[in-house]
N, C-alpha and C. Protein backbone atom coordinates (compact mmCIF):
# COMPACT_ATOMS: atom_id res chain seq x y z
N MET A 1 109.39 88.63 179.11
CA MET A 1 108.45 89.31 178.27
C MET A 1 109.18 90.12 177.20
N SER A 2 110.27 90.64 177.53
CA SER A 2 111.05 91.41 176.58
C SER A 2 111.52 90.51 175.44
N GLU A 3 111.92 89.30 175.78
CA GLU A 3 112.35 88.35 174.76
C GLU A 3 111.17 87.97 173.85
N GLU A 4 110.06 87.75 174.43
CA GLU A 4 108.86 87.40 173.66
C GLU A 4 108.44 88.57 172.78
N PHE A 5 108.53 89.78 173.30
CA PHE A 5 108.19 90.98 172.52
C PHE A 5 109.13 91.12 171.32
N THR A 6 110.42 90.89 171.56
CA THR A 6 111.41 90.97 170.49
C THR A 6 111.11 89.92 169.42
N ARG A 7 110.79 88.72 169.85
CA ARG A 7 110.48 87.63 168.91
C ARG A 7 109.22 87.98 168.11
N GLU A 8 108.20 88.49 168.74
CA GLU A 8 106.98 88.89 168.03
C GLU A 8 107.26 90.03 167.06
N LEU A 9 108.09 90.96 167.47
CA LEU A 9 108.45 92.09 166.60
C LEU A 9 109.20 91.59 165.36
N GLN A 10 110.11 90.66 165.57
CA GLN A 10 110.84 90.08 164.44
C GLN A 10 109.90 89.31 163.52
N GLU A 11 108.97 88.60 164.13
CA GLU A 11 107.98 87.85 163.33
C GLU A 11 107.12 88.81 162.50
N LEU A 12 106.71 89.92 163.10
CA LEU A 12 105.93 90.92 162.37
C LEU A 12 106.75 91.54 161.25
N GLN A 13 108.02 91.83 161.51
CA GLN A 13 108.88 92.39 160.48
C GLN A 13 109.04 91.40 159.32
N ARG A 14 109.20 90.11 159.66
CA ARG A 14 109.31 89.08 158.62
C ARG A 14 108.02 89.00 157.80
N GLU A 15 106.89 89.03 158.45
CA GLU A 15 105.61 88.98 157.75
C GLU A 15 105.42 90.21 156.88
N ILE A 16 105.81 91.37 157.39
CA ILE A 16 105.69 92.61 156.60
C ILE A 16 106.57 92.51 155.36
N GLN A 17 107.79 91.97 155.51
CA GLN A 17 108.68 91.81 154.37
C GLN A 17 108.08 90.83 153.36
N GLU A 18 107.49 89.75 153.85
CA GLU A 18 106.84 88.79 152.94
C GLU A 18 105.70 89.46 152.17
N LEU A 19 104.92 90.27 152.86
CA LEU A 19 103.82 90.98 152.18
C LEU A 19 104.37 91.95 151.14
N LYS A 20 105.48 92.65 151.49
CA LYS A 20 106.08 93.56 150.51
C LYS A 20 106.56 92.80 149.28
N ASP A 21 107.18 91.63 149.52
CA ASP A 21 107.65 90.81 148.40
C ASP A 21 106.48 90.34 147.54
N GLN A 22 105.41 89.91 148.20
CA GLN A 22 104.23 89.46 147.45
C GLN A 22 103.65 90.61 146.64
N LEU A 23 103.57 91.78 147.24
CA LEU A 23 103.03 92.94 146.55
C LEU A 23 103.90 93.30 145.35
N ALA A 24 105.20 93.26 145.52
CA ALA A 24 106.11 93.54 144.41
C ALA A 24 105.91 92.51 143.30
N GLY A 25 105.72 91.25 143.68
CA GLY A 25 105.46 90.20 142.69
C GLY A 25 104.17 90.45 141.93
N TYR A 26 103.13 90.87 142.66
CA TYR A 26 101.85 91.18 142.01
C TYR A 26 101.99 92.36 141.05
N GLU A 27 102.75 93.37 141.48
CA GLU A 27 102.94 94.54 140.61
C GLU A 27 103.68 94.15 139.34
N GLN A 28 104.70 93.31 139.47
CA GLN A 28 105.43 92.86 138.29
C GLN A 28 104.54 92.02 137.39
N LYS A 29 103.76 91.13 138.00
CA LYS A 29 102.84 90.29 137.22
C LYS A 29 101.80 91.16 136.52
N GLU A 30 101.27 92.16 137.25
CA GLU A 30 100.28 93.05 136.66
C GLU A 30 100.89 93.83 135.50
N SER A 31 102.12 94.26 135.65
CA SER A 31 102.79 95.00 134.59
C SER A 31 102.97 94.10 133.36
N ARG A 32 103.37 92.84 133.60
CA ARG A 32 103.52 91.91 132.47
C ARG A 32 102.17 91.63 131.83
N ASP A 33 101.12 91.46 132.66
CA ASP A 33 99.78 91.21 132.14
C ASP A 33 99.31 92.38 131.28
N LYS A 34 99.56 93.60 131.77
CA LYS A 34 99.16 94.78 130.99
C LYS A 34 99.90 94.82 129.66
N ALA A 35 101.19 94.50 129.68
CA ALA A 35 101.97 94.49 128.45
C ALA A 35 101.44 93.42 127.50
N ASP A 36 101.10 92.24 128.05
CA ASP A 36 100.56 91.16 127.22
C ASP A 36 99.23 91.56 126.60
N ILE A 37 98.37 92.14 127.43
CA ILE A 37 97.05 92.57 126.93
C ILE A 37 97.22 93.65 125.88
N SER A 38 98.11 94.59 126.14
CA SER A 38 98.35 95.66 125.17
C SER A 38 98.85 95.09 123.85
N GLY A 39 99.78 94.14 123.94
CA GLY A 39 100.29 93.50 122.72
C GLY A 39 99.19 92.76 121.96
N GLN A 40 98.34 92.06 122.71
CA GLN A 40 97.25 91.33 122.07
C GLN A 40 96.27 92.28 121.40
N LEU A 41 95.97 93.39 122.07
CA LEU A 41 95.05 94.37 121.49
C LEU A 41 95.64 94.97 120.21
N MET A 42 96.93 95.27 120.24
CA MET A 42 97.58 95.82 119.05
C MET A 42 97.53 94.82 117.89
N GLU A 43 97.78 93.55 118.19
CA GLU A 43 97.72 92.52 117.15
C GLU A 43 96.31 92.42 116.57
N GLN A 44 95.30 92.46 117.44
CA GLN A 44 93.93 92.38 116.96
C GLN A 44 93.57 93.61 116.13
N LEU A 45 94.02 94.78 116.56
CA LEU A 45 93.76 96.01 115.82
C LEU A 45 94.42 95.95 114.44
N GLU A 46 95.66 95.48 114.40
CA GLU A 46 96.35 95.35 113.11
C GLU A 46 95.60 94.40 112.19
N GLU A 47 95.12 93.30 112.73
CA GLU A 47 94.39 92.32 111.92
C GLU A 47 93.10 92.92 111.38
N VAL A 48 92.38 93.65 112.22
CA VAL A 48 91.14 94.30 111.77
C VAL A 48 91.44 95.31 110.67
N LEU A 49 92.51 96.09 110.84
CA LEU A 49 92.88 97.07 109.82
C LEU A 49 93.26 96.39 108.50
N ARG A 50 94.05 95.31 108.61
CA ARG A 50 94.42 94.59 107.37
C ARG A 50 93.17 94.05 106.67
N SER A 51 92.26 93.48 107.44
CA SER A 51 91.03 92.94 106.88
C SER A 51 90.21 94.04 106.21
N THR A 52 90.10 95.19 106.86
CA THR A 52 89.33 96.30 106.31
C THR A 52 89.95 96.80 105.02
N VAL A 53 91.27 96.95 105.01
CA VAL A 53 91.95 97.41 103.81
C VAL A 53 91.72 96.43 102.66
N ASN A 54 91.81 95.14 102.95
CA ASN A 54 91.58 94.14 101.90
C ASN A 54 90.15 94.19 101.38
N LYS A 55 89.19 94.43 102.29
CA LYS A 55 87.78 94.51 101.87
C LYS A 55 87.55 95.73 100.99
N VAL A 56 88.25 96.82 101.27
CA VAL A 56 88.08 98.05 100.49
C VAL A 56 88.79 97.92 99.13
N LYS A 57 89.92 97.24 99.11
CA LYS A 57 90.68 97.11 97.86
C LYS A 57 89.91 96.35 96.79
N LYS A 58 89.17 95.32 97.20
CA LYS A 58 88.45 94.50 96.23
C LYS A 58 87.43 95.32 95.44
N PRO A 59 86.49 96.02 96.10
CA PRO A 59 85.54 96.82 95.32
C PRO A 59 86.21 97.96 94.55
N ALA A 60 87.25 98.56 95.13
CA ALA A 60 87.93 99.66 94.45
C ALA A 60 88.55 99.14 93.15
N GLY A 61 89.12 97.96 93.19
CA GLY A 61 89.68 97.36 91.98
C GLY A 61 88.61 97.08 90.95
N LYS A 62 87.44 96.62 91.41
CA LYS A 62 86.34 96.34 90.49
C LYS A 62 85.83 97.62 89.84
N VAL A 63 85.76 98.71 90.62
CA VAL A 63 85.32 99.99 90.07
C VAL A 63 86.29 100.46 89.00
N GLY A 64 87.58 100.32 89.29
CA GLY A 64 88.60 100.71 88.32
C GLY A 64 88.49 99.90 87.04
N ASP A 65 88.27 98.60 87.18
CA ASP A 65 88.12 97.74 86.00
C ASP A 65 86.87 98.12 85.21
N TYR A 66 85.78 98.40 85.92
CA TYR A 66 84.52 98.76 85.28
C TYR A 66 84.67 100.07 84.51
N SER A 67 85.34 101.06 85.13
CA SER A 67 85.51 102.34 84.44
C SER A 67 86.42 102.19 83.22
N LYS A 68 87.43 101.33 83.31
CA LYS A 68 88.28 101.08 82.14
C LYS A 68 87.47 100.47 81.01
N ASP A 69 86.61 99.52 81.37
CA ASP A 69 85.77 98.87 80.35
C ASP A 69 84.86 99.89 79.66
N ILE A 70 84.27 100.80 80.43
CA ILE A 70 83.38 101.81 79.85
C ILE A 70 84.15 102.74 78.92
N ILE A 71 85.32 103.17 79.34
CA ILE A 71 86.14 104.06 78.51
C ILE A 71 86.56 103.35 77.23
N GLU A 72 86.97 102.11 77.34
CA GLU A 72 87.36 101.35 76.15
C GLU A 72 86.18 101.17 75.20
N ALA A 73 84.99 100.91 75.75
CA ALA A 73 83.80 100.75 74.90
C ALA A 73 83.48 102.07 74.20
N GLY A 74 83.61 103.18 74.92
CA GLY A 74 83.37 104.50 74.31
C GLY A 74 84.37 104.80 73.21
N GLU A 75 85.63 104.49 73.45
CA GLU A 75 86.66 104.71 72.41
C GLU A 75 86.38 103.85 71.18
N LYS A 76 85.93 102.63 71.42
CA LYS A 76 85.62 101.73 70.29
C LYS A 76 84.47 102.29 69.46
N LYS A 77 83.43 102.81 70.14
CA LYS A 77 82.29 103.39 69.42
C LYS A 77 82.73 104.61 68.59
N VAL A 78 83.61 105.43 69.17
CA VAL A 78 84.09 106.62 68.45
C VAL A 78 84.88 106.19 67.22
N GLU A 79 85.70 105.15 67.37
CA GLU A 79 86.49 104.67 66.23
C GLU A 79 85.59 104.08 65.14
N GLU A 80 84.52 103.40 65.56
CA GLU A 80 83.62 102.79 64.58
C GLU A 80 82.79 103.84 63.84
N ASN A 81 82.39 104.91 64.54
CA ASN A 81 81.53 105.94 63.93
C ASN A 81 82.09 107.33 64.22
N PRO A 82 83.17 107.73 63.56
CA PRO A 82 83.77 109.03 63.87
C PRO A 82 82.86 110.21 63.51
N LEU A 83 82.13 110.14 62.40
CA LEU A 83 81.27 111.24 61.98
C LEU A 83 80.14 111.45 62.98
N VAL A 84 79.51 110.38 63.41
CA VAL A 84 78.43 110.47 64.39
C VAL A 84 78.97 111.06 65.69
N SER A 85 80.17 110.64 66.09
CA SER A 85 80.78 111.15 67.33
C SER A 85 81.02 112.65 67.24
N ILE A 86 81.47 113.12 66.07
CA ILE A 86 81.71 114.56 65.90
C ILE A 86 80.39 115.32 65.95
N LEU A 87 79.36 114.79 65.31
CA LEU A 87 78.05 115.45 65.32
C LEU A 87 77.46 115.49 66.73
N ILE A 88 77.64 114.42 67.48
CA ILE A 88 77.14 114.40 68.87
C ILE A 88 77.88 115.43 69.70
N ALA A 89 79.20 115.50 69.55
CA ALA A 89 80.00 116.47 70.30
C ALA A 89 79.57 117.90 69.93
N PHE A 90 79.33 118.15 68.62
CA PHE A 90 78.88 119.47 68.18
C PHE A 90 77.51 119.80 68.78
N GLY A 91 76.61 118.83 68.76
CA GLY A 91 75.26 119.04 69.31
C GLY A 91 75.29 119.31 70.81
N LEU A 92 76.11 118.60 71.55
CA LEU A 92 76.23 118.83 72.99
C LEU A 92 76.83 120.20 73.28
N GLY A 93 77.81 120.60 72.47
CA GLY A 93 78.41 121.93 72.64
C GLY A 93 77.40 123.02 72.36
N TRP A 94 76.61 122.86 71.28
CA TRP A 94 75.58 123.85 70.95
C TRP A 94 74.54 123.95 72.05
N LEU A 95 74.12 122.77 72.59
CA LEU A 95 73.13 122.74 73.68
C LEU A 95 73.68 123.44 74.92
N ALA A 96 74.93 123.17 75.27
CA ALA A 96 75.53 123.80 76.45
C ALA A 96 75.62 125.31 76.28
N SER A 97 76.01 125.76 75.08
CA SER A 97 76.11 127.22 74.86
C SER A 97 74.73 127.87 74.90
N SER A 98 73.72 127.17 74.39
CA SER A 98 72.36 127.72 74.43
C SER A 98 71.87 127.86 75.86
N LEU A 99 72.17 126.89 76.68
CA LEU A 99 71.76 126.95 78.08
C LEU A 99 72.50 128.06 78.83
N MET A 100 73.72 128.30 78.47
CA MET A 100 74.50 129.35 79.13
C MET A 100 74.04 130.76 78.73
N GLU A 101 73.56 130.89 77.51
CA GLU A 101 73.07 132.19 77.03
C GLU A 101 71.80 132.61 77.75
N ARG A 102 71.01 131.66 78.19
CA ARG A 102 69.73 131.96 78.83
C ARG A 102 69.92 132.59 80.20
N LYS A 103 71.03 132.41 80.83
CA LYS A 103 71.24 132.99 82.16
C LYS A 103 71.38 134.45 82.01
């Protein structure tokens, strides 16, 4: 019986060691899986950010182009009619001063 007990004890120790090895393997696999998932999430986040930045750049560029066009058109009108532009500026200044005096 002592021999059988020793054999069973050794068998249990071997099984416990196998379970420890399996558990260590699962922990390593889980660690690699977490790293893979983390890397994938970072890649997806970077892609979303790049896409968002590109979407914002397009309208911002259009706004800049539109404002340039308006300024150029205004400069052209001033060059074509300098006297009218001066009279308009004088009239706006007079109107602003009149409104300020009323306060």
